[in-house]
Structures are given as C-alpha cells and as structure tokens.
C-alpha cells in the first residue's frame, strides 16, 4: 500500500475552501500512486478546541464532500471533522473507501485538556481498524500520541499501520517526532502522522509530518510548508522486523494486563 500524508493548512472556518484544497491534493496524490491519503486534524474547519462550528452528522456537507472526493478519484481518504453524536460533539476521523462509502470512524479518545478540548467535545471510546489494500490500518488523533497504552491495544488487535491526523504546534514539535518514532518502534508497526502548518488563531504550526517504519526509522518527512509526502507500507517488512526482534512474543501480557499482580507495598 502507498500512503500519502497531505500536510496542508486549512482555510479556517471555511469547509468549502478547505475541501477544494483537499480535492487538489488528492488529484496530485493519486497521480503519484497513493492508495490512502490522510489529512490533518479537523482539516475541513481548522483545529480549534474551543469551537464546534460546522459540526455535523452523517448527512452533512463535509462528510458528503469527503465521500465525493474519494469516489471521484477512486482512493481511500482519512478526513477529519467535527461530528455530532448522541453524546455531544466529537473530534472524529473518517475512513472512506474508493466508492465513497464510510468504512470507519474514530473519535479522539484522549481530549487535549490543556487546551480546553474537554469543555466542548466528548471523548470517543472505540478503536477502528480498516483493511486498506491488504494492510490493517488503525487510527488515533494528535494528543493520543502521548498515550502508549492505546497503541499497544491497536497492536494487539492486529494493526499494521497507524495513521495520526494532528495539529501539533511548533513549540512542541520535538515531542511529536519523539512520540511518533516511539509508538512505531515499541509496537513494530508503521506510523504515519500528518500535521497541519501555518499560523491560526489557536497557535503556530510547523508541519513536520512523518512516516515511520516498524524499526523506528523515519522513511519520509515533510518540512514546515505545505507538502505531500508518501511511502510504501509492507506487511512483509513488519514480519521481518518482528522475527528479527521478537518483542511481541516476549511481552509479558500476563503481568502487565493483570492489575491484581501489582505490588502495592
């Protein structure tokens, strides 16, 4: 599978203009051979933990726009938006197949409380894994990168590649790359993290999107401007890494997963 990260700046609070940028990016990515194109966190509106403007349900124009683009170009798309759910507004990434059909959705599990996200949004509580061109792809969002437990659970469920739409600011970009490499190497799967770029009312962003292989090596990385980066994802490479360094086999799940074994003295 060929994965492409679309490191683009959103047009703030203008979904139509943002989706037009997405359309142009998908057109170019498909010409490069992409099977899956991933966009930054809340790309349709721009990331803002304090705003729920343009939040919508399944029949809304943003979801319809993502579906149209996926179907028109015959490609998988991971597009992020603000979703209205029964429990409130959620920060959600959609996985849409080449027929324009919604195949999975992931609502951000760890809300960014330092930015007040929990005051406006409801946390998700479910994993999502989709089979894309023979690769099992899981999804997390931005702040989730700081929580290794989530990624371990994905690995246990058979994820081979994690996509992470993000809006990670310049001031903490070193952490973004540190966590991306750590989550990949400790679980021996690919991790593709795409960040926005440019200055917004919330913060300043410097891109730095990256694709990390199962051994923790960065195989593709963007600079600080708008860019499309891509890399091939191979199940064979995952298997080779895991056979050469059998961490998954050696993991003591009987200890770590059993809280009663914890010595409280």
Protein backbone atom coordinates (compact mmCIF):
# COMPACT_ATOMS: atom_id res chain seq x y z
CA UNK A 1 0.00 0.00 0.00
CA UNK A 2 1.17 3.52 -0.78
CA UNK A 3 0.23 6.04 1.90
CA UNK A 4 0.28 9.80 1.34
CA UNK A 5 0.18 12.49 4.02
CA UNK A 6 -1.37 15.79 2.91
CA UNK A 7 0.37 18.42 5.05
CA UNK A 8 -1.87 21.38 4.26
CA UNK A 9 -3.11 24.47 6.06
CA UNK A 10 -6.89 24.58 6.49
CA UNK A 11 -8.92 27.59 5.40
CA UNK A 12 -10.17 28.50 8.86
CA UNK A 13 -13.93 28.08 9.33
CA UNK A 14 -14.43 27.62 5.59
CA UNK A 15 -15.12 23.94 4.86
CA UNK A 16 -15.85 24.54 1.18
CA UNK A 17 -12.47 26.18 0.59
CA UNK A 18 -10.64 23.59 2.68
CA UNK A 19 -12.27 20.73 0.79
CA UNK A 20 -11.29 22.34 -2.51
CA UNK A 21 -7.68 22.28 -1.31
CA UNK A 22 -8.20 18.64 -0.38
CA UNK A 23 -9.56 17.89 -3.86
CA UNK A 24 -6.47 19.39 -5.49
CA UNK A 25 -4.17 17.45 -3.16
CA UNK A 26 -5.94 14.15 -3.80
CA UNK A 27 -5.69 14.69 -7.55
CA UNK A 28 -1.93 15.05 -7.28
CA UNK A 29 -1.52 12.21 -4.77
CA UNK A 30 -3.42 9.78 -6.99
CA UNK A 31 -1.12 10.65 -9.88
CA UNK A 32 1.76 9.66 -7.58
CA UNK A 33 0.16 6.26 -6.92
CA UNK A 34 -1.38 6.80 -3.47
CA UNK A 35 -3.86 4.24 -2.13
CA UNK A 36 -4.66 6.20 1.05
CA UNK A 37 -4.43 9.95 1.62
CA UNK A 38 -4.52 11.30 5.19
CA UNK A 39 -5.37 14.89 6.16
CA UNK A 40 -4.58 16.81 9.39
CA UNK A 41 -6.83 17.04 12.43
CA UNK A 42 -10.15 18.84 11.80
CA UNK A 43 -8.88 19.77 8.35
CA UNK A 44 -12.25 20.88 6.98
CA UNK A 45 -12.53 23.70 9.53
CA UNK A 46 -9.10 24.05 11.07
CA UNK A 47 -8.24 22.78 14.54
CA UNK A 48 -9.81 24.73 17.39
CA UNK A 49 -10.52 23.01 20.72
CA UNK A 50 -12.85 25.84 21.72
CA UNK A 51 -15.11 25.78 18.67
CA UNK A 52 -17.81 23.39 17.50
CA UNK A 53 -18.86 25.44 14.46
CA UNK A 54 -19.73 23.38 11.39
CA UNK A 55 -20.24 20.25 13.50
CA UNK A 56 -22.48 17.86 11.59
CA UNK A 57 -23.99 14.39 11.39
CA UNK A 58 -23.66 11.77 8.67
CA UNK A 59 -25.74 13.68 6.14
CA UNK A 60 -23.76 16.90 6.43
CA UNK A 61 -21.89 18.66 3.61
CA UNK A 62 -18.39 17.95 4.99
CA UNK A 63 -18.85 14.18 5.07
CA UNK A 64 -20.53 14.37 1.67
CA UNK A 65 -17.55 16.35 0.39
CA UNK A 66 -15.04 13.79 1.62
CA UNK A 67 -17.10 10.98 0.10
CA UNK A 68 -17.35 12.74 -3.24
CA UNK A 69 -13.60 13.27 -3.43
CA UNK A 70 -12.85 9.64 -2.53
CA UNK A 71 -15.28 8.33 -5.14
CA UNK A 72 -14.21 10.75 -7.85
CA UNK A 73 -10.57 9.73 -7.59
CA UNK A 74 -11.11 6.10 -6.57
CA UNK A 75 -8.93 6.31 -3.47
CA UNK A 76 -9.14 5.84 0.30
CA UNK A 77 -9.30 9.08 2.30
CA UNK A 78 -8.89 9.76 6.01
CA UNK A 79 -10.60 13.10 6.59
CA UNK A 80 -11.12 14.76 9.95
CA UNK A 81 -14.08 16.86 11.08
CA UNK A 82 -16.36 17.82 13.98
CA UNK A 83 -19.04 15.18 14.39
CA UNK A 84 -22.40 15.48 16.09
CA UNK A 85 -23.08 12.29 18.04
CA UNK A 86 -25.65 11.20 20.60
CA UNK A 87 -23.27 12.16 23.43
CA UNK A 88 -22.21 15.55 22.06
CA UNK A 89 -19.66 16.84 19.54
CA UNK A 90 -16.69 14.57 18.87
CA UNK A 91 -13.35 15.16 17.16
CA UNK A 92 -13.56 12.44 14.52
CA UNK A 93 -11.54 10.99 11.66
CA UNK A 94 -13.46 9.28 8.87
CA UNK A 95 -12.10 6.42 6.76
CA UNK A 96 -13.78 6.49 3.36
CA UNK A 97 -13.23 3.87 0.65
CA UNK A 98 -12.76 4.39 -3.13
CA UNK A 99 -16.51 4.02 -3.66
CA UNK A 100 -17.15 6.97 -1.35
CA UNK A 101 -18.52 4.71 1.41
CA UNK A 102 -17.79 5.45 5.05
CA UNK A 103 -15.98 2.35 6.34
CA UNK A 104 -14.87 3.51 9.77
CA UNK A 105 -14.77 6.42 12.14
CA UNK A 106 -12.50 7.12 15.06
CA UNK A 107 -13.46 9.68 17.71
CA UNK A 108 -10.48 11.05 19.65
CA UNK A 109 -10.19 9.13 22.91
CA UNK A 110 -7.78 11.44 24.76
CA UNK A 111 -9.06 15.01 24.68
CA UNK A 112 -6.50 17.81 24.91
CA UNK A 113 -7.42 19.19 28.33
CA UNK A 114 -4.53 21.73 28.39
CA UNK A 115 -6.35 23.46 25.53
CA UNK A 116 -9.83 23.02 26.97
CA UNK A 117 -10.97 20.47 24.39
CA UNK A 118 -12.88 18.52 27.02
CA UNK A 119 -15.10 21.53 27.67
CA UNK A 120 -16.52 21.45 24.14
CA UNK A 121 -16.02 17.87 22.97
CA UNK A 122 -16.99 14.38 24.07
CA UNK A 123 -14.28 11.71 24.13
CA UNK A 124 -14.55 8.62 21.99
CA UNK A 125 -14.29 5.11 23.41
CA UNK A 126 -13.77 2.79 20.42
CA UNK A 127 -10.97 1.57 18.18
CA UNK A 128 -11.20 1.43 14.40
CA UNK A 129 -9.20 -0.76 12.02
CA UNK A 130 -9.82 -0.96 8.28
CA UNK A 131 -8.24 -3.27 5.72
CA UNK A 132 -6.81 -0.96 3.05
CA UNK A 133 -5.02 -2.53 0.09
CA UNK A 134 -4.11 -5.53 2.21
CA UNK A 135 -2.87 -3.51 5.22
CA UNK A 136 -4.71 -3.31 8.55
CA UNK A 137 -4.87 0.42 9.29
CA UNK A 138 -5.77 1.86 12.69
CA UNK A 139 -6.40 5.45 13.68
CA UNK A 140 -5.54 7.80 16.54
CA UNK A 141 -5.60 11.61 16.71
CA UNK A 142 -2.92 14.08 17.80
CA UNK A 143 -2.81 14.11 21.65
CA UNK A 144 -3.41 10.34 21.60
CA UNK A 145 0.28 10.01 20.68
CA UNK A 146 1.19 10.69 24.31
CA UNK A 147 -0.63 7.55 25.48
CA UNK A 148 1.27 4.37 24.59
CA UNK A 149 -1.44 2.12 26.01
CA UNK A 150 -3.75 2.99 23.13
CA UNK A 151 -1.19 1.98 20.53
CA UNK A 152 -0.40 -1.28 22.34
CA UNK A 153 -4.08 -2.18 22.21
CA UNK A 154 -4.09 -1.47 18.48
CA UNK A 155 -1.06 -3.71 18.00
CA UNK A 156 -2.81 -6.47 19.94
CA UNK A 157 -5.77 -6.12 17.55
CA UNK A 158 -3.54 -6.63 14.54
CA UNK A 159 -2.93 -3.07 13.35
CA UNK A 160 -0.04 -2.89 10.87
CA UNK A 161 -0.09 0.85 10.23
CA UNK A 162 -1.38 3.66 12.45
CA UNK A 163 -2.48 6.96 10.98
CA UNK A 164 -2.44 10.01 13.25
CA UNK A 165 -4.04 13.24 11.98
CA UNK A 166 -2.70 16.08 14.14
CA UNK A 167 -2.39 19.79 14.82
CA UNK A 168 0.85 19.76 16.81
CA UNK A 169 2.32 23.23 17.38
CA UNK A 170 5.85 24.36 16.59
CA UNK A 171 6.68 24.75 20.28
CA UNK A 172 6.35 21.00 20.89
CA UNK A 173 7.33 19.58 17.52
CA UNK A 174 10.25 17.64 19.01
CA UNK A 175 7.73 15.72 21.12
CA UNK A 176 5.65 14.96 18.01
CA UNK A 177 8.59 13.24 16.34
CA UNK A 178 9.74 11.55 19.54
CA UNK A 179 6.32 10.00 20.18
CA UNK A 180 5.80 9.03 16.54
CA UNK A 181 9.05 7.05 16.49
CA UNK A 182 8.48 5.58 19.94
CA UNK A 183 4.96 4.35 19.19
CA UNK A 184 6.18 2.75 15.94
CA UNK A 185 9.27 1.01 17.32
CA UNK A 186 7.69 -0.26 20.53
CA UNK A 187 4.83 -1.87 18.59
CA UNK A 188 6.80 -2.76 15.45
CA UNK A 189 4.31 -1.30 13.03
CA UNK A 190 4.24 1.68 10.67
CA UNK A 191 3.07 5.04 11.94
CA UNK A 192 2.06 7.91 9.67
CA UNK A 193 1.47 11.22 11.47
CA UNK A 194 0.27 14.23 9.49
CA UNK A 195 0.34 17.71 10.99
CA UNK A 196 -1.10 20.99 9.82
CA UNK A 197 1.06 24.02 9.03
CA UNK A 198 0.84 27.80 9.22
CA UNK A 199 -0.47 30.33 11.74
CA UNK A 200 -4.04 30.12 13.04
CA UNK A 201 -5.98 31.92 15.80
CA UNK A 202 -5.08 28.99 18.07
CA UNK A 203 -1.31 28.57 17.53
CA UNK A 204 1.53 28.36 15.01
CA UNK A 205 2.25 25.06 13.28
CA UNK A 206 5.39 23.88 11.51
CA UNK A 207 4.29 20.71 9.76
CA UNK A 208 6.94 18.04 10.22
CA UNK A 209 4.63 15.23 9.12
CA UNK A 210 6.40 11.88 9.08
CA UNK A 211 6.10 8.22 8.19
CA UNK A 212 7.98 5.84 10.48
CA UNK A 213 8.72 2.19 9.72
CA UNK A 214 8.43 -0.77 12.16
CA UNK A 215 12.06 -0.42 13.23
CA UNK A 216 11.52 3.23 14.22
CA UNK A 217 13.25 4.77 11.21
CA UNK A 218 11.72 7.86 9.59
CA UNK A 219 11.28 6.92 5.93
CA UNK A 220 9.58 10.14 4.84
CA UNK A 221 9.35 13.55 6.47
CA UNK A 222 7.98 16.94 5.44
CA UNK A 223 9.44 20.35 6.12
CA UNK A 224 7.47 23.25 7.57
CA UNK A 225 5.42 24.23 4.50
CA UNK A 226 2.57 22.64 2.61
CA UNK A 227 3.61 19.32 1.09
CA UNK A 228 2.57 15.82 0.11
CA UNK A 229 4.82 13.03 1.36
CA UNK A 230 4.40 9.32 0.75
CA UNK A 231 5.92 5.91 1.38
CA UNK A 232 5.11 2.25 0.74
CA UNK A 233 3.70 0.17 3.61
CA UNK A 234 4.67 -3.52 3.58
CA UNK A 235 3.34 -6.38 5.72
CA UNK A 236 6.50 -8.31 4.81
CA UNK A 237 8.64 -5.61 6.40
CA UNK A 238 6.63 -5.80 9.61
CA UNK A 239 7.06 -9.57 9.70
CA UNK A 240 10.80 -9.34 9.09
CA UNK A 241 11.27 -6.83 11.91
CA UNK A 242 9.20 -8.89 14.33
CA UNK A 243 11.02 -12.11 13.50
CA UNK A 244 14.43 -10.48 13.88
CA UNK A 245 13.49 -8.83 17.20
CA UNK A 246 10.60 -10.76 18.77
CA UNK A 247 9.32 -8.15 21.21
CA UNK A 248 5.69 -9.09 20.67
CA UNK A 249 6.37 -12.70 21.60
CA UNK A 250 8.41 -11.71 24.66
CA UNK A 251 5.89 -9.21 26.02
CA UNK A 252 4.68 -10.34 29.45
CA UNK A 253 0.99 -9.67 28.98
CA UNK A 254 0.20 -11.88 31.96
CA UNK A 255 1.95 -9.33 34.18
CA UNK A 256 1.01 -6.04 32.52
CA UNK A 257 -2.64 -6.80 31.84
CA UNK A 258 -3.42 -8.19 35.31
CA UNK A 259 -3.79 -5.30 37.72
CA UNK A 260 -4.08 -7.70 40.66
CA UNK A 261 -0.40 -8.56 40.20
CA UNK A 262 0.62 -5.02 41.11
CA UNK A 263 2.61 -4.90 44.33
CA UNK A 264 1.19 -2.03 46.38
CA UNK A 265 3.74 -2.23 49.20
